[in-house]
Amino acid sequence: MQAKRIIPCLDVDDGRVVKGIQFKGIQDAGDPVEMARRYNDDGADELTFLDIGASYKSRATLLDVVRRVAAEVFIPLCVGGGIRTVDDMREAMNAGADKVSVCTSALQNPQLLSEMARAYGSQCVVLSIDAKRTGTDKNGKPVWHAFSHGGRTDTGIDAVQWAVQAVEMGAGEILLNSIDADGTGSGYDLELTAAILEAAPVPVIASGGAGDLDQIANVLLSTGADAPGADAALVASLLHFGKTTIREIKKHAESKGVCVRW
């Protein structure tokens, strides 16, 4: 059985880690370098840095953070936010990123995924999908749309179909953010996660809604009847505000039958 990953997510704005609820109500959560060092020492499998400002100025600030973190930690780093071109990807990789995450830029130009995969390999290309439930289809099944610009713009694109297309274009992994669940502590959107896992033949990182240890273990074990669990769980608020630790998450997940890395 392949080990599941626990990945702290650091939303960085103007050089600080911040956190909100459903992409709103942003509050300061701490120093990114200090937090990255702590998570590395505590057993995180990877770190994800997302530039929520996504402007040229904020990306330059984020790359400085990545350089300082890369000098101190020894786990893979994923950097996202404001990555619009292969040159932007190159800057991030040169700063110490092992892979990059793209959302809005890929929705606007799907060909970017192919260009990035050709330049660095699909394993370095993470498609970030900010998905929100927008209704149901004629069979009563939920429909999710992919949102752009930090969850502010409904593109009208079906999130599941977008995941399939993006993998065909070159995405090697999917970071799946549930806007509905983000920061609520009510648990991951298991239906959404199951739909993406079923459709896309690449690793899927579940994100948004982690409120307790059971919820993290559950999304890694199974997302429904006979449905597989996510390949990794992204965790933010629980860690940032001291409600738990990486080791506690892994110990609990292992007790529930999840294969984790130590």
C-alpha atoms as a PDB file:
ATOM      1  CA  MET A   1       0.000   0.000   0.000  1.00  0.00           C
ATOM      2  CA  GLN A   2       1.333   3.408  -0.946  1.00  0.00           C
ATOM      3  CA  ALA A   3       1.901   5.729   2.011  1.00  0.00           C
ATOM      4  CA  LYS A   4      -0.444   8.687   2.265  1.00  0.00           C
ATOM      5  CA  ARG A   5       1.003  12.168   2.689  1.00  0.00           C
ATOM      6  CA  ILE A   6       0.249  14.896   5.229  1.00  0.00           C
ATOM      7  CA  ILE A   7       0.979  18.312   3.708  1.00  0.00           C
ATOM      8  CA  PRO A   8       0.819  21.584   5.647  1.00  0.00           C
ATOM      9  CA  CYS A   9      -0.385  24.471   3.495  1.00  0.00           C
ATOM     10  CA  LEU A  10       1.026  27.929   4.047  1.00  0.00           C
ATOM     11  CA  ASP A  11      -1.029  30.677   2.405  1.00  0.00           C
ATOM     12  CA  VAL A  12       1.474  33.517   2.174  1.00  0.00           C
ATOM     13  CA  ASP A  13       0.583  37.181   1.752  1.00  0.00           C
ATOM     14  CA  ASP A  14       3.146  39.968   2.037  1.00  0.00           C
ATOM     15  CA  GLY A  15       5.642  37.592   3.624  1.00  0.00           C
ATOM     16  CA  ARG A  16       3.307  36.236   6.336  1.00  0.00           C
ATOM     17  CA  VAL A  17       1.213  33.081   6.651  1.00  0.00           C
ATOM     18  CA  VAL A  18      -2.500  33.884   6.735  1.00  0.00           C
ATOM     19  CA  LYS A  19      -5.709  31.853   6.968  1.00  0.00           C
ATOM     20  CA  GLY A  20      -9.374  32.547   6.299  1.00  0.00           C
ATOM     21  CA  ILE A  21     -12.749  30.829   6.000  1.00  0.00           C
ATOM     22  CA  GLN A  22     -14.122  30.050   2.524  1.00  0.00           C
ATOM     23  CA  PHE A  23     -11.317  32.241   1.100  1.00  0.00           C
ATOM     24  CA  LYS A  24     -12.492  35.251   3.199  1.00  0.00           C
ATOM     25  CA  GLY A  25     -11.853  36.779   6.638  1.00  0.00           C
ATOM     26  CA  ILE A  26      -8.071  36.541   6.344  1.00  0.00           C
ATOM     27  CA  GLN A  27      -6.067  36.648   9.591  1.00  0.00           C
ATOM     28  CA  ASP A  28      -2.363  36.437  10.392  1.00  0.00           C
ATOM     29  CA  ALA A  29      -1.077  32.983  11.336  1.00  0.00           C
ATOM     30  CA  GLY A  30       2.684  33.422  11.675  1.00  0.00           C
ATOM     31  CA  ASP A  31       6.142  33.534  10.095  1.00  0.00           C
ATOM     32  CA  PRO A  32       6.461  31.136   7.135  1.00  0.00           C
ATOM     33  CA  VAL A  33      10.096  30.196   7.667  1.00  0.00           C
ATOM     34  CA  GLU A  34       9.580  29.441  11.348  1.00  0.00           C
ATOM     35  CA  MET A  35       6.422  27.436  10.612  1.00  0.00           C
ATOM     36  CA  ALA A  36       8.055  25.519   7.769  1.00  0.00           C
ATOM     37  CA  ARG A  37      10.962  24.570  10.017  1.00  0.00           C
ATOM     38  CA  ARG A  38       8.556  23.340  12.696  1.00  0.00           C
ATOM     39  CA  TYR A  39       6.513  21.255  10.257  1.00  0.00           C
ATOM     40  CA  ASN A  40       9.648  19.785   8.710  1.00  0.00           C
ATOM     41  CA  ASP A  41      10.917  18.725  12.143  1.00  0.00           C
ATOM     42  CA  ASP A  42       7.489  17.343  13.068  1.00  0.00           C
ATOM     43  CA  GLY A  43       7.374  14.957  10.096  1.00  0.00           C
ATOM     44  CA  ALA A  44       5.496  16.719   7.291  1.00  0.00           C
ATOM     45  CA  ASP A  45       5.823  14.866   3.994  1.00  0.00           C
ATOM     46  CA  GLU A  46       5.764  18.022   1.872  1.00  0.00           C
ATOM     47  CA  LEU A  47       5.055  21.743   2.179  1.00  0.00           C
ATOM     48  CA  THR A  48       2.777  23.798  -0.040  1.00  0.00           C
ATOM     49  CA  PHE A  49       3.204  27.565  -0.334  1.00  0.00           C
ATOM     50  CA  LEU A  50       0.392  29.509  -1.985  1.00  0.00           C
ATOM     51  CA  ASP A  51       0.816  33.192  -2.792  1.00  0.00           C
ATOM     52  CA  ILE A  52      -2.724  34.437  -2.202  1.00  0.00           C
ATOM     53  CA  GLY A  53      -1.843  37.933  -3.419  1.00  0.00           C
ATOM     54  CA  ALA A  54      -0.618  36.523  -6.742  1.00  0.00           C
ATOM     55  CA  SER A  55       0.754  39.851  -7.963  1.00  0.00           C
ATOM     56  CA  TYR A  56       4.274  40.305  -9.301  1.00  0.00           C
ATOM     57  CA  LYS A  57       5.314  42.023  -6.050  1.00  0.00           C
ATOM     58  CA  SER A  58       3.840  39.337  -3.803  1.00  0.00           C
ATOM     59  CA  ARG A  59       5.361  36.551  -5.912  1.00  0.00           C
ATOM     60  CA  ALA A  60       8.801  38.124  -5.494  1.00  0.00           C
ATOM     61  CA  THR A  61       8.205  38.162  -1.735  1.00  0.00           C
ATOM     62  CA  LEU A  62       7.088  34.527  -1.821  1.00  0.00           C
ATOM     63  CA  LEU A  63      10.164  33.447  -3.795  1.00  0.00           C
ATOM     64  CA  ASP A  64      12.345  35.038  -1.119  1.00  0.00           C
ATOM     65  CA  VAL A  65      10.451  32.999   1.477  1.00  0.00           C
ATOM     66  CA  VAL A  66      10.942  29.842  -0.603  1.00  0.00           C
ATOM     67  CA  ARG A  67      14.694  30.478  -0.842  1.00  0.00           C
ATOM     68  CA  ARG A  68      14.969  30.871   2.918  1.00  0.00           C
ATOM     69  CA  VAL A  69      12.825  27.799   3.601  1.00  0.00           C
ATOM     70  CA  ALA A  70      14.597  25.621   1.014  1.00  0.00           C
ATOM     71  CA  ALA A  71      17.864  26.329   2.795  1.00  0.00           C
ATOM     72  CA  GLU A  72      16.517  24.868   6.031  1.00  0.00           C
ATOM     73  CA  VAL A  73      14.077  22.053   5.264  1.00  0.00           C
ATOM     74  CA  PHE A  74      14.540  18.726   3.533  1.00  0.00           C
ATOM     75  CA  ILE A  75      11.102  17.843   2.189  1.00  0.00           C
ATOM     76  CA  PRO A  76       9.517  18.674  -1.190  1.00  0.00           C
ATOM     77  CA  LEU A  77       8.189  22.207  -1.654  1.00  0.00           C
ATOM     78  CA  CYS A  78       5.277  23.111  -3.919  1.00  0.00           C
ATOM     79  CA  VAL A  79       4.802  26.770  -4.820  1.00  0.00           C
ATOM     80  CA  GLY A  80       1.660  28.283  -6.309  1.00  0.00           C
ATOM     81  CA  GLY A  81      -0.055  31.590  -6.905  1.00  0.00           C
ATOM     82  CA  GLY A  82       0.775  33.968  -9.718  1.00  0.00           C
ATOM     83  CA  ILE A  83       2.571  31.339 -11.823  1.00  0.00           C
ATOM     84  CA  ARG A  84       1.518  32.393 -15.325  1.00  0.00           C
ATOM     85  CA  THR A  85       4.352  31.276 -17.605  1.00  0.00           C
ATOM     86  CA  VAL A  86       7.126  28.706 -17.877  1.00  0.00           C
ATOM     87  CA  ASP A  87       9.513  31.519 -16.927  1.00  0.00           C
ATOM     88  CA  ASP A  88       7.553  32.018 -13.691  1.00  0.00           C
ATOM     89  CA  MET A  89       7.844  28.283 -13.074  1.00  0.00           C
ATOM     90  CA  ARG A  90      11.578  28.443 -13.721  1.00  0.00           C
ATOM     91  CA  GLU A  91      11.958  31.234 -11.158  1.00  0.00           C
ATOM     92  CA  ALA A  92      10.124  29.170  -8.559  1.00  0.00           C
ATOM     93  CA  MET A  93      12.155  26.049  -9.288  1.00  0.00           C
ATOM     94  CA  ASN A  94      15.399  28.020  -9.154  1.00  0.00           C
ATOM     95  CA  ALA A  95      14.322  29.426  -5.781  1.00  0.00           C
ATOM     96  CA  GLY A  96      14.011  25.900  -4.404  1.00  0.00           C
ATOM     97  CA  ALA A  97      10.555  24.643  -5.367  1.00  0.00           C
ATOM     98  CA  ASP A  98      10.286  20.992  -6.362  1.00  0.00           C
ATOM     99  CA  LYS A  99       6.985  21.546  -8.176  1.00  0.00           C
ATOM    100  CA  VAL A 100       4.554  24.354  -8.900  1.00  0.00           C
ATOM    101  CA  SER A 101       0.816  24.708  -8.625  1.00  0.00           C
ATOM    102  CA  VAL A 102      -1.305  26.600 -11.153  1.00  0.00           C
ATOM    103  CA  CYS A 103      -4.999  27.473 -11.071  1.00  0.00           C
ATOM    104  CA  THR A 104      -6.242  30.627 -12.808  1.00  0.00           C
ATOM    105  CA  SER A 105      -3.464  30.704 -15.406  1.00  0.00           C
ATOM    106  CA  ALA A 106      -4.244  27.126 -16.487  1.00  0.00           C
ATOM    107  CA  LEU A 107      -7.961  27.856 -16.761  1.00  0.00           C
ATOM    108  CA  GLN A 108      -7.179  30.843 -18.965  1.00  0.00           C
ATOM    109  CA  ASN A 109      -4.571  28.973 -21.008  1.00  0.00           C
ATOM    110  CA  PRO A 110      -4.746  25.153 -20.698  1.00  0.00           C
ATOM    111  CA  GLN A 111      -1.785  24.875 -23.079  1.00  0.00           C
ATOM    112  CA  LEU A 112       0.369  26.199 -20.239  1.00  0.00           C
ATOM    113  CA  LEU A 113       0.137  22.771 -18.583  1.00  0.00           C
ATOM    114  CA  SER A 114       1.667  21.121 -21.646  1.00  0.00           C
ATOM    115  CA  GLU A 115       4.420  23.727 -21.849  1.00  0.00           C
ATOM    116  CA  MET A 116       5.294  23.261 -18.181  1.00  0.00           C
ATOM    117  CA  ALA A 117       5.256  19.476 -18.447  1.00  0.00           C
ATOM    118  CA  ARG A 118       7.584  19.611 -21.467  1.00  0.00           C
ATOM    119  CA  ALA A 119       9.960  21.908 -19.603  1.00  0.00           C
ATOM    120  CA  TYR A 120      10.127  20.097 -16.264  1.00  0.00           C
ATOM    121  CA  GLY A 121       8.037  16.905 -16.454  1.00  0.00           C
ATOM    122  CA  SER A 122       4.475  16.228 -15.362  1.00  0.00           C
ATOM    123  CA  GLN A 123       5.646  15.312 -11.865  1.00  0.00           C
ATOM    124  CA  CYS A 124       6.462  18.992 -11.336  1.00  0.00           C
ATOM    125  CA  VAL A 125       3.063  20.278 -12.533  1.00  0.00           C
ATOM    126  CA  VAL A 126       0.258  20.458  -9.971  1.00  0.00           C
ATOM    127  CA  LEU A 127      -3.191  21.583 -11.086  1.00  0.00           C
ATOM    128  CA  SER A 128      -4.950  23.442  -8.295  1.00  0.00           C
ATOM    129  CA  ILE A 129      -8.738  23.285  -8.617  1.00  0.00           C
ATOM    130  CA  ASP A 130     -10.794  25.683  -6.492  1.00  0.00           C
ATOM    131  CA  ALA A 131     -14.164  23.951  -6.727  1.00  0.00           C
ATOM    132  CA  LYS A 132     -17.574  25.043  -5.473  1.00  0.00           C
ATOM    133  CA  ARG A 133     -20.877  23.193  -5.627  1.00  0.00           C
ATOM    134  CA  THR A 134     -23.177  25.079  -7.988  1.00  0.00           C
ATOM    135  CA  GLY A 135     -26.196  22.792  -8.253  1.00  0.00           C
ATOM    136  CA  THR A 136     -27.203  19.343  -9.484  1.00  0.00           C
ATOM    137  CA  ASP A 137     -27.490  17.698 -12.881  1.00  0.00           C
ATOM    138  CA  LYS A 138     -30.625  16.125 -14.378  1.00  0.00           C
ATOM    139  CA  ASN A 139     -29.933  12.946 -12.403  1.00  0.00           C
ATOM    140  CA  GLY A 140     -29.722  14.818  -9.127  1.00  0.00           C
ATOM    141  CA  LYS A 141     -25.970  14.414  -8.805  1.00  0.00           C
ATOM    142  CA  PRO A 142     -23.945  17.397  -7.549  1.00  0.00           C
ATOM    143  CA  VAL A 143     -22.186  19.686 -10.005  1.00  0.00           C
ATOM    144  CA  TRP A 144     -19.039  21.605  -9.086  1.00  0.00           C
ATOM    145  CA  HIS A 145     -17.547  24.483 -11.057  1.00  0.00           C
ATOM    146  CA  ALA A 146     -13.894  25.449 -11.194  1.00  0.00           C
ATOM    147  CA  PHE A 147     -13.389  28.961  -9.823  1.00  0.00           C
ATOM    148  CA  SER A 148     -10.530  31.296 -10.703  1.00  0.00           C
ATOM    149  CA  HIS A 149      -8.893  34.368  -9.154  1.00  0.00           C
ATOM    150  CA  GLY A 150      -8.671  33.007  -5.620  1.00  0.00           C
ATOM    151  CA  GLY A 151     -12.171  31.570  -5.608  1.00  0.00           C
ATOM    152  CA  ARG A 152     -13.825  34.816  -6.678  1.00  0.00           C
ATOM    153  CA  THR A 153     -14.805  34.032 -10.282  1.00  0.00           C
ATOM    154  CA  ASP A 154     -17.076  31.206 -11.433  1.00  0.00           C
ATOM    155  CA  THR A 155     -15.645  30.068 -14.771  1.00  0.00           C
ATOM    156  CA  GLY A 156     -18.695  27.908 -15.512  1.00  0.00           C
ATOM    157  CA  ILE A 157     -16.296  25.024 -16.235  1.00  0.00           C
ATOM    158  CA  ASP A 158     -17.241  21.647 -14.750  1.00  0.00           C
ATOM    159  CA  ALA A 159     -14.520  20.855 -12.207  1.00  0.00           C
ATOM    160  CA  VAL A 160     -14.495  17.113 -12.881  1.00  0.00           C
ATOM    161  CA  GLN A 161     -14.268  17.544 -16.650  1.00  0.00           C
ATOM    162  CA  TRP A 162     -11.534  20.137 -16.133  1.00  0.00           C
ATOM    163  CA  ALA A 163      -9.518  17.664 -14.060  1.00  0.00           C
ATOM    164  CA  VAL A 164      -9.682  15.101 -16.867  1.00  0.00           C
ATOM    165  CA  GLN A 165      -8.656  17.637 -19.521  1.00  0.00           C
ATOM    166  CA  ALA A 166      -5.821  19.013 -17.402  1.00  0.00           C
ATOM    167  CA  VAL A 167      -4.281  15.590 -16.845  1.00  0.00           C
ATOM    168  CA  GLU A 168      -4.411  14.960 -20.593  1.00  0.00           C
ATOM    169  CA  MET A 169      -2.612  18.300 -21.066  1.00  0.00           C
ATOM    170  CA  GLY A 170       0.200  17.415 -18.666  1.00  0.00           C
ATOM    171  CA  ALA A 171      -0.815  17.916 -15.027  1.00  0.00           C
ATOM    172  CA  GLY A 172       0.777  15.210 -12.879  1.00  0.00           C
ATOM    173  CA  GLU A 173      -1.108  15.861  -9.654  1.00  0.00           C
ATOM    174  CA  ILE A 174      -4.295  17.618  -8.527  1.00  0.00           C
ATOM    175  CA  LEU A 175      -4.606  19.876  -5.503  1.00  0.00           C
ATOM    176  CA  LEU A 176      -8.354  19.871  -4.890  1.00  0.00           C
ATOM    177  CA  ASN A 177      -9.636  22.805  -2.844  1.00  0.00           C
ATOM    178  CA  SER A 178     -13.255  22.770  -1.698  1.00  0.00           C
ATOM    179  CA  ILE A 179     -14.382  26.389  -1.413  1.00  0.00           C
ATOM    180  CA  ASP A 180     -17.517  25.250   0.425  1.00  0.00           C
ATOM    181  CA  ALA A 181     -15.505  23.480   3.136  1.00  0.00           C
ATOM    182  CA  ASP A 182     -12.438  25.752   3.312  1.00  0.00           C
ATOM    183  CA  GLY A 183     -11.623  26.816   6.870  1.00  0.00           C
ATOM    184  CA  THR A 184     -14.977  25.609   8.250  1.00  0.00           C
ATOM    185  CA  GLY A 185     -13.657  22.613  10.197  1.00  0.00           C
ATOM    186  CA  SER A 186     -16.666  20.634   8.969  1.00  0.00           C
ATOM    187  CA  GLY A 187     -14.606  18.041   7.115  1.00  0.00           C
ATOM    188  CA  TYR A 188     -13.400  17.518   3.562  1.00  0.00           C
ATOM    189  CA  ASP A 189     -15.934  17.376   0.737  1.00  0.00           C
ATOM    190  CA  LEU A 190     -15.903  13.600   0.278  1.00  0.00           C
ATOM    191  CA  GLU A 191     -18.294  13.620  -2.704  1.00  0.00           C
ATOM    192  CA  LEU A 192     -16.147  16.105  -4.594  1.00  0.00           C
ATOM    193  CA  THR A 193     -12.959  14.240  -3.732  1.00  0.00           C
ATOM    194  CA  ALA A 194     -14.452  10.917  -4.834  1.00  0.00           C
ATOM    195  CA  ALA A 195     -15.596  12.397  -8.152  1.00  0.00           C
ATOM    196  CA  ILE A 196     -12.126  13.742  -8.950  1.00  0.00           C
ATOM    197  CA  LEU A 197     -10.377  10.545  -7.821  1.00  0.00           C
ATOM    198  CA  GLU A 198     -12.616   8.482 -10.068  1.00  0.00           C
ATOM    199  CA  ALA A 199     -12.105  10.720 -13.082  1.00  0.00           C
ATOM    200  CA  ALA A 200      -8.410  11.641 -12.924  1.00  0.00           C
ATOM    201  CA  PRO A 201      -5.633   8.989 -13.051  1.00  0.00           C
ATOM    202  CA  VAL A 202      -3.134  11.028 -11.009  1.00  0.00           C
ATOM    203  CA  PRO A 203      -2.571  11.600  -7.270  1.00  0.00           C
ATOM    204  CA  VAL A 204      -5.187  13.837  -5.646  1.00  0.00           C
ATOM    205  CA  ILE A 205      -4.521  16.031  -2.618  1.00  0.00           C
ATOM    206  CA  ALA A 206      -7.705  16.758  -0.636  1.00  0.00           C
ATOM    207  CA  SER A 207      -7.909  20.292   0.728  1.00  0.00           C
ATOM    208  CA  GLY A 208     -10.414  22.363   2.649  1.00  0.00           C
ATOM    209  CA  GLY A 209     -12.361  21.657   5.822  1.00  0.00           C
ATOM    210  CA  ALA A 210     -10.102  19.639   8.134  1.00  0.00           C
ATOM    211  CA  GLY A 211     -11.559  20.079  11.620  1.00  0.00           C
ATOM    212  CA  ASP A 212     -10.409  17.015  13.539  1.00  0.00           C
ATOM    213  CA  LEU A 213      -8.182  13.956  13.302  1.00  0.00           C
ATOM    214  CA  ASP A 214     -10.988  11.625  12.252  1.00  0.00           C
ATOM    215  CA  GLN A 215     -11.802  13.782   9.222  1.00  0.00           C
ATOM    216  CA  ILE A 216      -8.199  13.644   8.035  1.00  0.00           C
ATOM    217  CA  ALA A 217      -7.990   9.882   8.483  1.00  0.00           C
ATOM    218  CA  ASN A 218     -11.351   9.400   6.760  1.00  0.00           C
ATOM    219  CA  VAL A 219     -10.481  11.302   3.576  1.00  0.00           C
ATOM    220  CA  LEU A 220      -7.284   9.252   3.271  1.00  0.00           C
ATOM    221  CA  LEU A 221      -9.061   5.936   3.859  1.00  0.00           C
ATOM    222  CA  SER A 222     -12.175   6.255   1.730  1.00  0.00           C
ATOM    223  CA  THR A 223     -14.375   8.899   0.136  1.00  0.00           C
ATOM    224  CA  GLY A 224     -17.480   6.739  -0.107  1.00  0.00           C
ATOM    225  CA  ALA A 225     -18.784   3.243  -0.808  1.00  0.00           C
ATOM    226  CA  ASP A 226     -15.992   1.329  -2.535  1.00  0.00           C
ATOM    227  CA  ALA A 227     -14.297   4.664  -3.307  1.00  0.00           C
ATOM    228  CA  PRO A 228     -10.570   5.100  -2.654  1.00  0.00           C
ATOM    229  CA  GLY A 229      -9.161   7.666  -0.286  1.00  0.00           C
ATOM    230  CA  ALA A 230      -7.224  10.729  -1.340  1.00  0.00           C
ATOM    231  CA  ASP A 231      -3.493  10.321  -1.893  1.00  0.00           C
ATOM    232  CA  ALA A 232      -2.694  13.179   0.474  1.00  0.00           C
ATOM    233  CA  ALA A 233      -4.400  15.584   2.853  1.00  0.00           C
ATOM    234  CA  LEU A 234      -3.658  19.286   2.989  1.00  0.00           C
ATOM    235  CA  VAL A 235      -3.927  20.749   6.495  1.00  0.00           C
ATOM    236  CA  ALA A 236      -3.742  24.398   7.531  1.00  0.00           C
ATOM    237  CA  SER A 237      -5.800  25.876  10.400  1.00  0.00           C
ATOM    238  CA  LEU A 238      -5.517  22.822  12.673  1.00  0.00           C
ATOM    239  CA  LEU A 239      -1.740  23.081  12.529  1.00  0.00           C
ATOM    240  CA  HIS A 240      -1.277  26.838  12.340  1.00  0.00           C
ATOM    241  CA  PHE A 241      -3.342  27.520  15.458  1.00  0.00           C
ATOM    242  CA  GLY A 242      -1.855  24.716  17.538  1.00  0.00           C
ATOM    243  CA  LYS A 243      -4.849  22.397  17.642  1.00  0.00           C
ATOM    244  CA  THR A 244      -2.766  19.377  16.644  1.00  0.00           C
ATOM    245  CA  THR A 245       0.608  18.340  15.218  1.00  0.00           C
ATOM    246  CA  ILE A 246       1.803  16.344  12.221  1.00  0.00           C
ATOM    247  CA  ARG A 247       2.816  13.480  14.502  1.00  0.00           C
ATOM    248  CA  GLU A 248      -0.602  13.375  16.160  1.00  0.00           C
ATOM    249  CA  ILE A 249      -2.297  13.365  12.741  1.00  0.00           C
ATOM    250  CA  LYS A 250      -0.112  10.496  11.525  1.00  0.00           C
ATOM    251  CA  LYS A 251      -0.452   8.476  14.731  1.00  0.00           C
ATOM    252  CA  HIS A 252      -4.256   8.760  14.620  1.00  0.00           C
ATOM    253  CA  ALA A 253      -4.437   8.020  10.889  1.00  0.00           C
ATOM    254  CA  GLU A 254      -2.252   4.936  11.350  1.00  0.00           C
ATOM    255  CA  SER A 255      -4.517   3.709  14.155  1.00  0.00           C
ATOM    256  CA  LYS A 256      -7.415   3.878  11.679  1.00  0.00           C
ATOM    257  CA  GLY A 257      -5.593   1.812   9.091  1.00  0.00           C
ATOM    258  CA  VAL A 258      -3.952   4.520   6.968  1.00  0.00           C
ATOM    259  CA  CYS A 259      -0.426   3.784   5.730  1.00  0.00           C
ATOM    260  CA  VAL A 260       1.697   6.828   6.605  1.00  0.00           C
ATOM    261  CA  ARG A 261       5.373   7.740   6.343  1.00  0.00           C
ATOM    262  CA  TRP A 262       7.493   8.081   9.476  1.00  0.00           C
END
